N, C-alpha and C. Protein backbone atom coordinates (compact mmCIF):
# COMPACT_ATOMS: atom_id res chain seq x y z
N UNK A 1 -9.91 5.83 -22.84
CA UNK A 1 -11.13 5.62 -22.76
C UNK A 1 -11.73 6.74 -22.91
N UNK A 2 -13.24 6.68 -23.20
CA UNK A 2 -13.83 7.94 -23.52
C UNK A 2 -14.75 8.18 -22.16
N UNK A 3 -15.51 9.35 -22.37
CA UNK A 3 -16.08 9.76 -21.16
C UNK A 3 -17.37 9.22 -20.72
N UNK A 4 -17.69 9.74 -19.62
CA UNK A 4 -18.99 9.20 -19.13
C UNK A 4 -20.01 10.33 -19.34
N UNK A 5 -21.18 10.19 -19.31
CA UNK A 5 -22.15 10.87 -19.31
C UNK A 5 -23.07 10.85 -18.19
N UNK A 6 -23.25 11.50 -17.12
CA UNK A 6 -24.14 11.19 -16.14
C UNK A 6 -25.45 11.89 -15.97
N UNK A 7 -26.53 11.20 -15.95
CA UNK A 7 -27.52 11.66 -16.10
C UNK A 7 -28.46 11.35 -14.91
N UNK A 8 -28.97 12.14 -14.29
CA UNK A 8 -29.57 11.70 -12.89
C UNK A 8 -30.99 12.23 -12.98
N UNK A 9 -31.78 11.22 -12.02
CA UNK A 9 -33.36 11.33 -11.85
C UNK A 9 -33.99 11.01 -12.90
N UNK A 10 -34.10 10.00 -13.86
CA UNK A 10 -34.68 9.26 -14.69
C UNK A 10 -34.82 7.84 -14.84
N UNK A 11 -35.83 7.25 -15.31
CA UNK A 11 -36.26 6.13 -15.06
C UNK A 11 -36.18 5.09 -16.43
N UNK A 12 -36.10 3.97 -16.49
CA UNK A 12 -36.50 3.36 -17.49
C UNK A 12 -36.04 3.93 -19.05
N UNK A 13 -35.12 4.20 -19.26
CA UNK A 13 -34.44 5.29 -20.09
C UNK A 13 -34.26 4.14 -21.21
N UNK A 14 -33.74 4.74 -22.54
CA UNK A 14 -33.74 4.10 -23.49
C UNK A 14 -32.25 2.97 -23.46
N UNK A 15 -32.20 2.07 -24.38
CA UNK A 15 -31.12 0.96 -24.31
C UNK A 15 -30.04 1.47 -24.31
N UNK A 16 -29.80 2.29 -24.99
CA UNK A 16 -28.22 2.84 -25.47
C UNK A 16 -27.94 3.94 -24.34
N UNK A 17 -28.65 3.99 -22.89
CA UNK A 17 -27.91 4.37 -21.72
C UNK A 17 -27.76 3.12 -20.95
N UNK A 18 -26.64 3.03 -20.53
CA UNK A 18 -26.35 1.90 -19.55
C UNK A 18 -24.88 2.23 -18.82
N UNK A 19 -24.73 1.53 -17.41
CA UNK A 19 -25.37 0.89 -16.63
C UNK A 19 -26.72 1.81 -16.32
N UNK A 20 -27.41 0.99 -15.58
CA UNK A 20 -28.62 1.70 -15.15
C UNK A 20 -28.72 1.68 -13.64
N UNK A 21 -28.71 2.38 -12.51
CA UNK A 21 -28.88 1.92 -11.26
C UNK A 21 -29.81 3.11 -10.55
N UNK A 22 -31.03 2.44 -10.28
CA UNK A 22 -31.95 3.23 -9.77
C UNK A 22 -32.26 4.36 -10.57
N UNK A 23 -31.97 5.63 -10.05
CA UNK A 23 -32.27 6.73 -11.06
C UNK A 23 -30.91 7.30 -11.30
N UNK A 24 -29.82 6.65 -11.09
CA UNK A 24 -28.64 7.00 -12.05
C UNK A 24 -28.28 6.26 -13.39
N UNK A 25 -28.11 7.13 -14.52
CA UNK A 25 -27.91 6.57 -15.56
C UNK A 25 -26.90 7.04 -16.31
N UNK A 26 -26.00 6.12 -17.04
CA UNK A 26 -24.55 6.63 -17.49
C UNK A 26 -24.64 5.76 -19.04
N UNK A 27 -24.39 6.94 -19.97
CA UNK A 27 -24.14 6.56 -21.39
C UNK A 27 -22.77 6.65 -21.50
N UNK A 28 -21.84 5.62 -21.97
CA UNK A 28 -20.73 5.35 -22.18
C UNK A 28 -20.35 5.50 -23.60
N UNK A 29 -19.14 6.04 -24.00
CA UNK A 29 -18.72 6.07 -25.42
C UNK A 29 -16.86 5.79 -25.09
N UNK A 30 -16.58 4.79 -26.24
CA UNK A 30 -15.17 4.56 -26.14
C UNK A 30 -14.79 4.62 -27.46
N UNK A 31 -13.41 5.43 -27.58
CA UNK A 31 -12.80 5.38 -28.74
C UNK A 31 -11.45 6.29 -28.67
N UNK A 32 -10.88 6.71 -29.62
CA UNK A 32 -9.57 7.26 -29.96
C UNK A 32 -9.83 8.56 -30.47
N UNK A 33 -11.17 8.64 -31.07
CA UNK A 33 -11.29 10.03 -31.45
C UNK A 33 -12.38 10.71 -30.93
N UNK A 34 -11.88 11.88 -30.18
CA UNK A 34 -12.90 12.58 -29.06
C UNK A 34 -14.06 12.99 -29.75
N UNK A 35 -13.98 13.42 -31.40
CA UNK A 35 -15.07 13.83 -32.06
C UNK A 35 -16.35 13.18 -32.11
N UNK A 36 -15.68 11.70 -32.58
CA UNK A 36 -16.76 10.58 -32.67
C UNK A 36 -17.31 10.45 -31.45
N UNK A 37 -16.65 10.34 -30.04
CA UNK A 37 -17.22 10.00 -28.84
C UNK A 37 -18.31 11.36 -28.45
N UNK A 38 -17.82 12.36 -28.92
CA UNK A 38 -18.80 13.27 -28.58
C UNK A 38 -20.02 13.25 -29.38
N UNK A 39 -19.94 12.83 -30.64
CA UNK A 39 -21.25 12.28 -31.64
C UNK A 39 -22.10 11.39 -30.70
N UNK A 40 -21.11 10.38 -30.38
CA UNK A 40 -22.18 9.37 -29.76
C UNK A 40 -22.94 9.61 -28.60
N UNK A 41 -22.25 10.27 -27.68
CA UNK A 41 -22.89 11.03 -26.36
C UNK A 41 -23.81 11.99 -26.80
N UNK A 42 -23.67 12.48 -27.66
CA UNK A 42 -24.77 13.36 -28.01
C UNK A 42 -26.30 12.98 -28.37
N UNK A 43 -25.91 11.73 -29.18
CA UNK A 43 -26.95 10.60 -29.79
C UNK A 43 -27.55 10.35 -28.75
N UNK A 44 -26.68 9.40 -27.70
CA UNK A 44 -27.54 9.02 -26.69
C UNK A 44 -28.22 10.24 -25.72
N UNK A 45 -27.72 11.39 -25.61
CA UNK A 45 -28.42 12.33 -24.77
C UNK A 45 -29.87 12.71 -25.61
N UNK A 46 -29.80 13.21 -27.10
CA UNK A 46 -30.55 13.35 -27.93
C UNK A 46 -31.73 12.08 -27.49
N UNK A 47 -31.64 10.91 -27.35
CA UNK A 47 -32.64 9.57 -27.43
C UNK A 47 -33.05 9.80 -26.17
N UNK A 48 -32.53 10.38 -24.77
CA UNK A 48 -33.08 10.85 -23.71
C UNK A 48 -34.37 11.64 -23.52
N UNK A 49 -33.65 12.86 -24.27
CA UNK A 49 -34.23 14.29 -24.44
C UNK A 49 -35.87 13.72 -25.02
N UNK A 50 -35.81 13.03 -25.91
CA UNK A 50 -36.93 12.76 -26.75
C UNK A 50 -37.85 11.73 -25.87
N UNK A 51 -37.13 10.99 -25.02
CA UNK A 51 -37.97 9.97 -24.30
C UNK A 51 -38.36 10.56 -23.30
N UNK A 52 -37.88 11.50 -22.47
CA UNK A 52 -38.33 12.40 -21.41
C UNK A 52 -39.29 13.13 -22.01
N UNK A 53 -39.34 14.09 -22.96
CA UNK A 53 -40.55 14.83 -23.22
C UNK A 53 -41.99 13.79 -23.74
N UNK A 54 -41.44 12.62 -24.15
CA UNK A 54 -42.77 11.60 -24.55
C UNK A 54 -43.27 11.35 -23.29
N UNK A 55 -42.37 11.01 -22.06
CA UNK A 55 -43.08 10.89 -20.54
C UNK A 55 -43.60 11.96 -19.94
N UNK A 56 -43.35 13.19 -20.23
CA UNK A 56 -43.81 14.48 -19.67
C UNK A 56 -42.69 14.75 -18.88
N UNK A 57 -41.69 14.64 -18.54
CA UNK A 57 -40.34 14.97 -17.91
C UNK A 57 -39.58 15.64 -18.65
N UNK A 58 -38.81 16.44 -17.60
CA UNK A 58 -37.64 17.40 -18.37
C UNK A 58 -36.23 16.72 -17.27
N UNK A 59 -35.25 16.58 -18.39
CA UNK A 59 -33.81 16.53 -17.98
C UNK A 59 -33.30 17.73 -17.23
N UNK A 60 -32.70 17.45 -16.40
CA UNK A 60 -31.87 18.67 -15.63
C UNK A 60 -30.46 18.66 -16.16
N UNK A 61 -30.38 19.69 -16.89
CA UNK A 61 -28.97 19.86 -17.49
C UNK A 61 -27.74 20.21 -16.73
N UNK A 62 -28.26 20.96 -15.75
CA UNK A 62 -27.35 21.71 -14.27
C UNK A 62 -27.01 20.04 -13.46
N UNK A 63 -27.41 19.24 -13.36
CA UNK A 63 -27.27 17.98 -12.44
C UNK A 63 -26.39 16.77 -13.51
N UNK A 64 -26.14 17.37 -14.93
CA UNK A 64 -25.93 16.35 -15.89
C UNK A 64 -24.36 16.67 -16.33
N UNK A 65 -23.40 15.68 -15.93
CA UNK A 65 -22.08 15.97 -16.25
C UNK A 65 -21.42 15.07 -17.30
N UNK A 66 -20.33 15.62 -17.96
CA UNK A 66 -19.60 14.42 -18.76
C UNK A 66 -17.86 14.46 -18.51
N UNK A 67 -17.65 13.29 -18.49
CA UNK A 67 -16.17 13.11 -18.06
C UNK A 67 -15.28 12.36 -19.08
N UNK A 68 -14.40 12.88 -19.26
CA UNK A 68 -13.19 12.27 -20.41
C UNK A 68 -12.13 11.65 -19.70
N UNK A 69 -12.27 10.34 -19.59
CA UNK A 69 -10.97 9.47 -18.95
C UNK A 69 -9.84 9.47 -19.94
N UNK A 70 -8.58 9.68 -19.42
CA UNK A 70 -7.40 9.21 -19.57
C UNK A 70 -6.92 10.48 -20.58
N UNK A 71 -7.47 11.50 -20.54
CA UNK A 71 -7.38 12.64 -21.40
C UNK A 71 -7.61 14.12 -20.56
N UNK A 72 -6.54 14.55 -20.25
CA UNK A 72 -6.68 16.15 -19.49
C UNK A 72 -6.57 17.35 -20.64
N UNK A 73 -6.71 17.27 -21.53
CA UNK A 73 -6.63 18.31 -22.60
C UNK A 73 -7.90 18.44 -23.13
N UNK A 74 -8.66 17.61 -23.93
CA UNK A 74 -9.71 17.70 -24.72
C UNK A 74 -10.84 17.93 -23.75
N UNK A 75 -11.62 18.22 -24.25
CA UNK A 75 -13.14 18.49 -23.97
C UNK A 75 -14.46 17.91 -24.69
N UNK A 76 -15.29 17.70 -24.31
CA UNK A 76 -16.32 17.24 -25.26
C UNK A 76 -17.56 18.28 -25.17
N UNK A 77 -18.34 18.70 -26.12
CA UNK A 77 -19.35 19.41 -26.05
C UNK A 77 -20.90 18.94 -26.12
N UNK A 78 -21.44 18.41 -25.25
CA UNK A 78 -22.55 17.72 -25.42
C UNK A 78 -23.54 18.45 -24.60
N UNK A 79 -24.73 18.41 -25.32
CA UNK A 79 -25.90 19.72 -24.91
C UNK A 79 -27.45 18.94 -24.56
N UNK A 80 -28.07 19.51 -23.56
CA UNK A 80 -29.29 19.28 -23.48
C UNK A 80 -30.18 20.27 -24.06
N UNK A 81 -30.88 20.36 -24.92
CA UNK A 81 -31.75 21.60 -25.20
C UNK A 81 -30.91 22.70 -25.32
N UNK A 82 -29.84 22.65 -26.38
CA UNK A 82 -28.73 23.89 -26.17
C UNK A 82 -28.14 24.46 -24.83
N UNK A 83 -28.33 23.71 -23.69
CA UNK A 83 -27.39 24.08 -22.52
C UNK A 83 -26.34 22.90 -22.71
N UNK A 84 -24.78 23.63 -22.84
CA UNK A 84 -23.96 22.58 -22.84
C UNK A 84 -23.87 22.21 -21.44
N UNK A 85 -23.29 20.81 -21.34
CA UNK A 85 -23.18 20.21 -19.94
C UNK A 85 -21.71 20.49 -19.48
N UNK A 86 -21.58 20.46 -18.27
CA UNK A 86 -20.69 20.64 -17.68
C UNK A 86 -19.59 19.50 -17.66
N UNK A 87 -18.32 19.88 -18.21
CA UNK A 87 -17.10 18.48 -18.31
C UNK A 87 -16.43 18.66 -17.33
N UNK A 88 -16.55 17.46 -16.25
CA UNK A 88 -15.71 17.54 -14.96
C UNK A 88 -14.46 16.67 -15.09
N UNK A 89 -13.49 17.03 -13.96
CA UNK A 89 -12.22 16.17 -14.09
C UNK A 89 -12.63 14.96 -12.93
N UNK A 90 -13.55 15.35 -12.14
CA UNK A 90 -13.74 13.76 -11.54
C UNK A 90 -15.63 13.90 -10.93
N UNK A 91 -15.99 12.86 -10.68
CA UNK A 91 -17.28 12.82 -10.59
C UNK A 91 -17.60 11.41 -9.20
N UNK A 92 -18.78 11.79 -8.17
CA UNK A 92 -18.87 10.67 -7.32
C UNK A 92 -20.21 10.14 -7.90
N UNK A 93 -19.64 9.03 -8.15
CA UNK A 93 -21.03 8.16 -9.04
C UNK A 93 -21.37 6.79 -8.00
N UNK A 94 -22.41 6.64 -7.61
CA UNK A 94 -22.78 5.41 -6.75
C UNK A 94 -21.95 5.60 -5.41
N UNK A 95 -21.22 6.55 -5.13
CA UNK A 95 -20.70 6.41 -3.57
C UNK A 95 -19.23 6.51 -4.00
N UNK A 96 -19.03 6.32 -5.23
CA UNK A 96 -17.35 5.95 -5.61
C UNK A 96 -16.91 7.40 -6.39
N UNK A 97 -15.84 7.87 -6.04
CA UNK A 97 -15.34 9.04 -6.35
C UNK A 97 -14.36 8.61 -7.52
N UNK A 98 -14.86 9.04 -9.12
CA UNK A 98 -14.30 8.52 -10.22
C UNK A 98 -13.31 9.96 -10.63
N UNK A 99 -11.80 9.70 -11.21
CA UNK A 99 -11.29 10.67 -11.46
C UNK A 99 -10.61 10.37 -12.98
N UNK A 100 -10.40 11.37 -13.79
CA UNK A 100 -10.03 11.25 -15.24
C UNK A 100 -8.97 9.87 -15.41
N UNK A 101 -7.98 9.88 -14.53
CA UNK A 101 -7.07 9.03 -14.59
C UNK A 101 -7.15 7.86 -14.02
N UNK A 102 -8.52 7.68 -13.19
CA UNK A 102 -8.75 6.21 -12.76
C UNK A 102 -7.73 5.85 -11.46
N UNK A 103 -6.90 6.68 -10.95
CA UNK A 103 -5.96 6.05 -10.10
C UNK A 103 -6.60 6.27 -8.76
N UNK A 104 -7.89 6.56 -8.33
CA UNK A 104 -8.73 6.55 -7.55
C UNK A 104 -8.07 7.11 -6.24
N UNK A 105 -7.04 8.01 -6.42
CA UNK A 105 -6.54 8.86 -4.88
C UNK A 105 -7.52 9.72 -4.22
N UNK A 106 -8.53 10.29 -5.11
CA UNK A 106 -9.57 11.19 -4.47
C UNK A 106 -10.64 10.19 -3.85
N UNK A 107 -10.82 8.87 -4.34
CA UNK A 107 -11.51 7.87 -3.64
C UNK A 107 -10.99 7.49 -2.33
N UNK A 108 -9.72 7.55 -2.21
CA UNK A 108 -8.89 7.17 -0.94
C UNK A 108 -9.38 7.96 0.13
N UNK A 109 -8.98 9.35 -0.24
CA UNK A 109 -9.08 10.49 0.47
C UNK A 109 -10.65 10.87 1.04
N UNK A 110 -11.44 10.24 0.03
CA UNK A 110 -12.90 10.46 0.46
C UNK A 110 -13.58 9.41 1.49
N UNK A 111 -12.66 8.27 1.45
CA UNK A 111 -13.25 6.80 2.28
C UNK A 111 -12.53 7.52 3.79
N UNK A 112 -11.09 7.53 3.64
CA UNK A 112 -10.50 8.00 4.83
C UNK A 112 -11.37 9.19 5.79
N UNK A 113 -11.61 10.14 4.88
CA UNK A 113 -12.50 11.16 5.53
C UNK A 113 -13.78 10.88 6.15
N UNK A 114 -14.39 10.02 5.48
CA UNK A 114 -15.81 9.59 5.70
C UNK A 114 -15.44 8.69 7.15
N UNK A 115 -14.55 7.64 7.18
CA UNK A 115 -14.29 7.03 8.24
C UNK A 115 -13.70 7.71 9.53
N UNK A 116 -13.19 8.51 9.29
CA UNK A 116 -12.82 9.42 10.22
C UNK A 116 -13.87 10.25 11.12
N UNK A 117 -14.89 10.75 10.07
CA UNK A 117 -15.84 11.46 10.94
C UNK A 117 -16.90 10.40 11.51
N UNK A 118 -17.04 9.42 11.06
CA UNK A 118 -17.86 8.19 11.82
C UNK A 118 -17.31 7.82 13.28
N UNK A 119 -15.62 7.82 13.22
CA UNK A 119 -15.25 7.39 14.44
C UNK A 119 -15.41 8.53 15.57
N UNK A 120 -15.56 9.76 14.95
CA UNK A 120 -15.94 11.02 15.74
C UNK A 120 -16.99 10.94 16.35
N UNK A 121 -18.00 10.43 15.89
CA UNK A 121 -19.40 10.22 16.46
C UNK A 121 -19.26 8.79 17.46
N UNK A 122 -18.78 7.74 17.04
CA UNK A 122 -18.27 6.35 18.04
C UNK A 122 -17.43 7.14 19.23
N UNK A 123 -16.55 7.75 18.85
CA UNK A 123 -15.70 8.42 19.89
C UNK A 123 -16.40 9.22 21.16
N UNK A 124 -17.72 9.62 20.94
CA UNK A 124 -18.34 10.26 22.17
C UNK A 124 -18.74 9.32 22.99
N UNK A 125 -18.85 7.98 22.60
CA UNK A 125 -19.40 7.02 23.59
C UNK A 125 -18.32 6.60 24.37
N UNK A 126 -17.09 6.86 24.19
CA UNK A 126 -15.83 6.14 24.84
C UNK A 126 -15.23 7.45 25.46
N UNK A 127 -14.83 7.06 27.12
CA UNK A 127 -14.40 8.20 27.77
C UNK A 127 -13.81 7.61 28.72
N UNK A 128 -12.60 6.90 28.48
CA UNK A 128 -11.57 6.40 28.98
C UNK A 128 -12.18 4.76 29.68
N UNK A 129 -12.14 4.54 31.00
CA UNK A 129 -12.75 3.60 31.86
C UNK A 129 -14.31 4.11 32.14
N UNK A 130 -14.54 4.82 31.58
CA UNK A 130 -15.92 5.54 32.11
C UNK A 130 -16.92 5.20 30.87
N UNK A 131 -16.29 5.17 29.95
CA UNK A 131 -17.23 4.61 28.24
C UNK A 131 -17.63 3.33 28.30
N UNK A 132 -18.06 2.71 27.03
CA UNK A 132 -18.47 1.57 26.82
C UNK A 132 -17.29 0.70 26.88
N UNK A 133 -17.66 -0.39 27.05
CA UNK A 133 -16.62 -1.52 27.02
C UNK A 133 -15.85 -1.69 25.64
N UNK A 134 -14.58 -2.18 25.80
CA UNK A 134 -13.69 -2.18 24.58
C UNK A 134 -14.48 -3.07 23.44
N UNK A 135 -15.38 -4.09 23.76
CA UNK A 135 -15.57 -5.18 22.82
C UNK A 135 -16.77 -4.45 22.01
N UNK A 136 -17.41 -3.70 23.00
CA UNK A 136 -18.59 -2.94 22.16
C UNK A 136 -18.05 -1.85 21.17
N UNK A 137 -16.92 -1.13 21.70
CA UNK A 137 -16.54 -0.38 20.82
C UNK A 137 -15.87 -0.88 19.29
N UNK A 138 -15.43 -2.17 19.37
CA UNK A 138 -14.96 -2.80 18.44
C UNK A 138 -15.79 -3.22 17.82
N UNK A 139 -16.85 -3.44 17.92
CA UNK A 139 -18.37 -3.76 17.32
C UNK A 139 -18.92 -2.76 16.80
N UNK A 140 -18.81 -1.73 17.20
CA UNK A 140 -19.26 -0.25 16.55
C UNK A 140 -18.44 0.05 15.62
N UNK A 141 -17.05 -0.13 15.66
CA UNK A 141 -16.14 0.24 14.54
C UNK A 141 -16.37 -0.76 13.34
N UNK A 142 -16.72 -1.87 13.57
CA UNK A 142 -16.87 -3.13 12.23
C UNK A 142 -18.22 -2.50 11.80
N UNK A 143 -19.30 -1.96 12.21
CA UNK A 143 -20.59 -1.46 12.03
C UNK A 143 -20.60 -0.37 11.28
N UNK A 144 -19.68 0.75 11.96
CA UNK A 144 -20.03 2.04 11.59
C UNK A 144 -18.81 2.80 11.05
N UNK A 145 -17.58 2.29 11.34
CA UNK A 145 -16.47 3.18 10.55
C UNK A 145 -16.01 2.11 9.71
N UNK A 146 -15.54 1.02 9.86
CA UNK A 146 -15.00 0.24 8.77
C UNK A 146 -15.88 0.20 7.44
N UNK A 147 -17.10 -0.04 7.22
CA UNK A 147 -17.48 -0.12 5.78
C UNK A 147 -17.10 1.33 5.26
N UNK A 148 -17.01 2.54 5.67
CA UNK A 148 -16.61 3.52 4.99
C UNK A 148 -15.16 3.37 4.35
N UNK A 149 -14.24 2.30 4.86
CA UNK A 149 -13.03 2.23 4.23
C UNK A 149 -13.13 1.53 2.99
N UNK A 150 -14.28 0.39 3.31
CA UNK A 150 -14.41 -0.94 2.46
C UNK A 150 -15.36 -0.75 1.13
N UNK A 151 -16.03 0.36 1.38
CA UNK A 151 -17.27 0.41 0.31
C UNK A 151 -16.89 0.49 -0.93
N UNK A 152 -17.41 -0.63 -1.86
CA UNK A 152 -17.46 -1.11 -3.18
C UNK A 152 -15.74 -0.99 -3.70
N UNK A 153 -14.76 -1.55 -2.44
CA UNK A 153 -13.27 -1.54 -2.71
C UNK A 153 -12.95 -2.58 -3.94
N UNK A 154 -13.59 -3.28 -4.42
CA UNK A 154 -13.30 -4.30 -5.56
C UNK A 154 -13.11 -3.31 -6.82
N UNK A 155 -14.08 -2.34 -6.80
CA UNK A 155 -13.80 -1.46 -7.79
C UNK A 155 -12.70 -0.60 -7.85
N UNK A 156 -12.04 -0.01 -6.93
CA UNK A 156 -11.02 0.85 -6.84
C UNK A 156 -9.37 0.19 -6.02
N UNK A 157 -9.82 -1.10 -6.15
CA UNK A 157 -8.84 -2.16 -5.53
C UNK A 157 -7.76 -1.86 -6.32
N UNK A 158 -7.18 -1.31 -7.36
CA UNK A 158 -6.29 -1.06 -7.96
C UNK A 158 -5.06 -0.15 -7.70
N UNK A 159 -5.32 0.60 -5.95
CA UNK A 159 -4.79 1.61 -5.40
C UNK A 159 -3.42 1.29 -5.30
N UNK A 160 -2.57 2.47 -5.32
CA UNK A 160 -0.97 1.87 -4.78
C UNK A 160 -0.91 1.51 -3.38
N UNK A 161 0.32 1.08 -3.00
CA UNK A 161 0.64 0.62 -1.87
C UNK A 161 0.48 1.89 -0.94
N UNK A 162 1.16 2.79 -1.38
CA UNK A 162 1.08 3.95 -0.45
C UNK A 162 -0.61 4.20 0.35
N UNK A 163 -1.37 4.37 -1.03
CA UNK A 163 -2.66 4.53 -0.87
C UNK A 163 -3.34 3.53 0.18
N UNK A 164 -2.94 2.34 0.24
CA UNK A 164 -3.14 1.18 1.07
C UNK A 164 -2.98 1.65 2.26
N UNK A 165 -1.60 1.82 2.42
CA UNK A 165 -1.09 2.10 3.75
C UNK A 165 -1.76 3.46 4.60
N UNK A 166 -2.21 4.52 3.80
CA UNK A 166 -3.13 5.51 4.38
C UNK A 166 -4.21 5.21 4.91
N UNK A 167 -4.84 4.18 4.17
CA UNK A 167 -6.10 3.44 4.77
C UNK A 167 -6.05 2.72 6.22
N UNK A 168 -5.02 1.91 5.98
CA UNK A 168 -4.26 1.11 7.20
C UNK A 168 -4.05 2.15 8.39
N UNK A 169 -3.31 3.14 8.16
CA UNK A 169 -3.30 4.12 9.25
C UNK A 169 -4.27 4.69 9.71
N UNK A 170 -5.54 4.64 8.80
CA UNK A 170 -6.72 5.44 9.54
C UNK A 170 -7.25 4.32 10.44
N UNK A 171 -7.29 2.96 9.83
CA UNK A 171 -7.80 2.02 10.78
C UNK A 171 -7.07 2.10 12.18
N UNK A 172 -5.95 2.08 12.01
CA UNK A 172 -4.99 1.86 13.40
C UNK A 172 -5.46 3.29 14.12
N UNK A 173 -5.42 4.20 13.61
CA UNK A 173 -6.04 5.45 14.32
C UNK A 173 -7.44 5.48 15.20
N UNK A 174 -8.16 4.77 14.41
CA UNK A 174 -9.61 4.34 14.87
C UNK A 174 -9.25 3.53 16.01
N UNK A 175 -8.89 2.38 15.86
CA UNK A 175 -8.94 1.52 16.88
C UNK A 175 -8.04 1.67 18.09
N UNK A 176 -7.02 2.60 17.82
CA UNK A 176 -6.08 2.93 19.17
C UNK A 176 -7.39 3.89 19.88
N UNK A 177 -7.99 4.63 19.26
CA UNK A 177 -9.08 5.41 19.99
C UNK A 177 -9.96 4.35 20.76
N UNK A 178 -10.46 3.43 20.01
CA UNK A 178 -11.29 2.36 20.47
C UNK A 178 -10.69 1.83 22.12
N UNK A 179 -9.59 1.56 21.98
CA UNK A 179 -8.98 0.82 23.00
C UNK A 179 -8.32 1.80 24.23
N UNK A 180 -8.11 3.03 23.89
CA UNK A 180 -7.56 3.78 24.60
C UNK A 180 -6.06 3.57 24.63
N UNK A 181 -5.59 3.22 23.55
CA UNK A 181 -3.90 3.04 23.57
C UNK A 181 -2.98 3.91 23.91
N UNK A 182 -1.74 4.16 24.07
CA UNK A 182 -0.89 4.78 23.93
C UNK A 182 -0.45 5.03 22.89
N UNK A 183 0.22 6.19 22.21
CA UNK A 183 0.35 6.75 20.80
C UNK A 183 1.38 5.52 20.03
N UNK A 184 2.61 5.24 21.12
CA UNK A 184 3.54 4.44 20.75
C UNK A 184 3.12 2.94 20.70
N UNK A 185 2.27 2.44 20.75
CA UNK A 185 1.65 1.14 20.71
C UNK A 185 1.62 0.68 18.83
N UNK A 186 2.19 -0.23 18.59
CA UNK A 186 2.49 -0.59 17.32
C UNK A 186 1.07 -1.15 16.48
N UNK A 187 0.86 -0.75 15.43
CA UNK A 187 -0.07 -1.10 14.80
C UNK A 187 -0.23 -2.68 14.74
N UNK A 188 0.37 -3.43 14.54
CA UNK A 188 0.39 -4.91 14.57
C UNK A 188 0.02 -5.25 16.39
N UNK A 189 0.51 -4.42 17.40
CA UNK A 189 -0.13 -4.88 18.64
C UNK A 189 -1.63 -4.30 18.60
N UNK A 190 -1.95 -3.45 18.16
CA UNK A 190 -3.26 -2.86 18.10
C UNK A 190 -4.20 -3.92 17.23
N UNK A 191 -3.76 -4.43 16.38
CA UNK A 191 -4.51 -5.24 15.54
C UNK A 191 -4.70 -6.76 16.41
N UNK A 192 -3.81 -7.02 17.04
CA UNK A 192 -3.79 -8.51 17.97
C UNK A 192 -4.89 -8.01 18.67
N UNK A 193 -4.62 -6.77 19.68
CA UNK A 193 -5.57 -6.82 20.84
C UNK A 193 -7.12 -6.57 20.39
N UNK A 194 -7.57 -6.16 19.26
CA UNK A 194 -8.74 -6.09 19.09
C UNK A 194 -9.11 -7.10 18.11
N UNK A 195 -8.47 -8.02 17.41
CA UNK A 195 -8.82 -9.08 16.42
C UNK A 195 -9.32 -8.60 15.04
N UNK A 196 -8.82 -7.40 14.82
CA UNK A 196 -9.12 -6.85 13.59
C UNK A 196 -8.10 -7.18 12.74
N UNK A 197 -8.54 -8.03 11.65
CA UNK A 197 -7.30 -8.07 10.33
C UNK A 197 -6.67 -6.97 9.70
N UNK A 198 -5.71 -6.76 9.53
CA UNK A 198 -4.63 -5.77 8.88
C UNK A 198 -5.49 -5.51 7.54
N UNK A 199 -5.69 -4.28 7.52
CA UNK A 199 -6.51 -3.69 6.21
C UNK A 199 -5.60 -4.23 4.81
N UNK A 200 -4.80 -4.35 4.84
CA UNK A 200 -4.19 -4.87 3.80
C UNK A 200 -4.69 -6.53 3.31
N UNK A 201 -4.64 -7.09 4.40
CA UNK A 201 -5.08 -8.55 4.29
C UNK A 201 -6.77 -8.49 4.37
N UNK A 202 -7.38 -7.73 4.84
CA UNK A 202 -8.78 -7.35 4.75
C UNK A 202 -9.34 -7.02 3.27
N UNK A 203 -8.56 -6.10 2.74
CA UNK A 203 -8.60 -5.88 1.36
C UNK A 203 -8.78 -7.04 0.49
N UNK A 204 -7.51 -7.80 0.53
CA UNK A 204 -7.91 -9.07 -0.09
C UNK A 204 -9.21 -10.10 -0.17
N UNK A 205 -9.62 -9.93 0.69
CA UNK A 205 -10.49 -11.02 1.33
C UNK A 205 -11.90 -10.47 0.56
N UNK A 206 -11.96 -9.00 0.32
CA UNK A 206 -13.10 -8.71 0.04
C UNK A 206 -13.16 -8.28 -1.82
N UNK A 207 -11.84 -9.01 -2.27
CA UNK A 207 -11.90 -9.09 -3.66
C UNK A 207 -12.52 -10.18 -4.34
């Protein structure tokens, strides 16, 4: 697959740039010849530069990145006004971490980390029997923690079984905190007590 050129903070750009989401734009080139891909991306960039000049705006070369998928050796040189854009190995786009091999290992780590940090905040409301009731803790998990584990999961659903298990373990760890369970309580028991669908099954319902 070819690289993606990420161009931020522009609106209503030329048709050659797609997809378009809010103020994040992508120019995509696909091929087996790196130089041809480079030429196509440079052409897309030049069109954007001309459009920006016409609209009285300036593209920020420092915030614009190029990414080559499926190739860890070659790099493409694309410029904005003689400034060569950074060629990166990974990039977070619309909240999903993309990597050059598209195995989404980095996205799994990112999602797990965000869920754990959210659970820390929820955990401040839980203090054994003195804290919030368990059913409220479960509702807070569903509303504030689980969305981080599931965000845009149809995009990165091709993750390995091991990576699914990593996310499952994060869910169980968070739920144990909610119900104040002992460390030895099994994952199945935690899921039954909380009424939370196992992560593997939950993932399938979201696809």
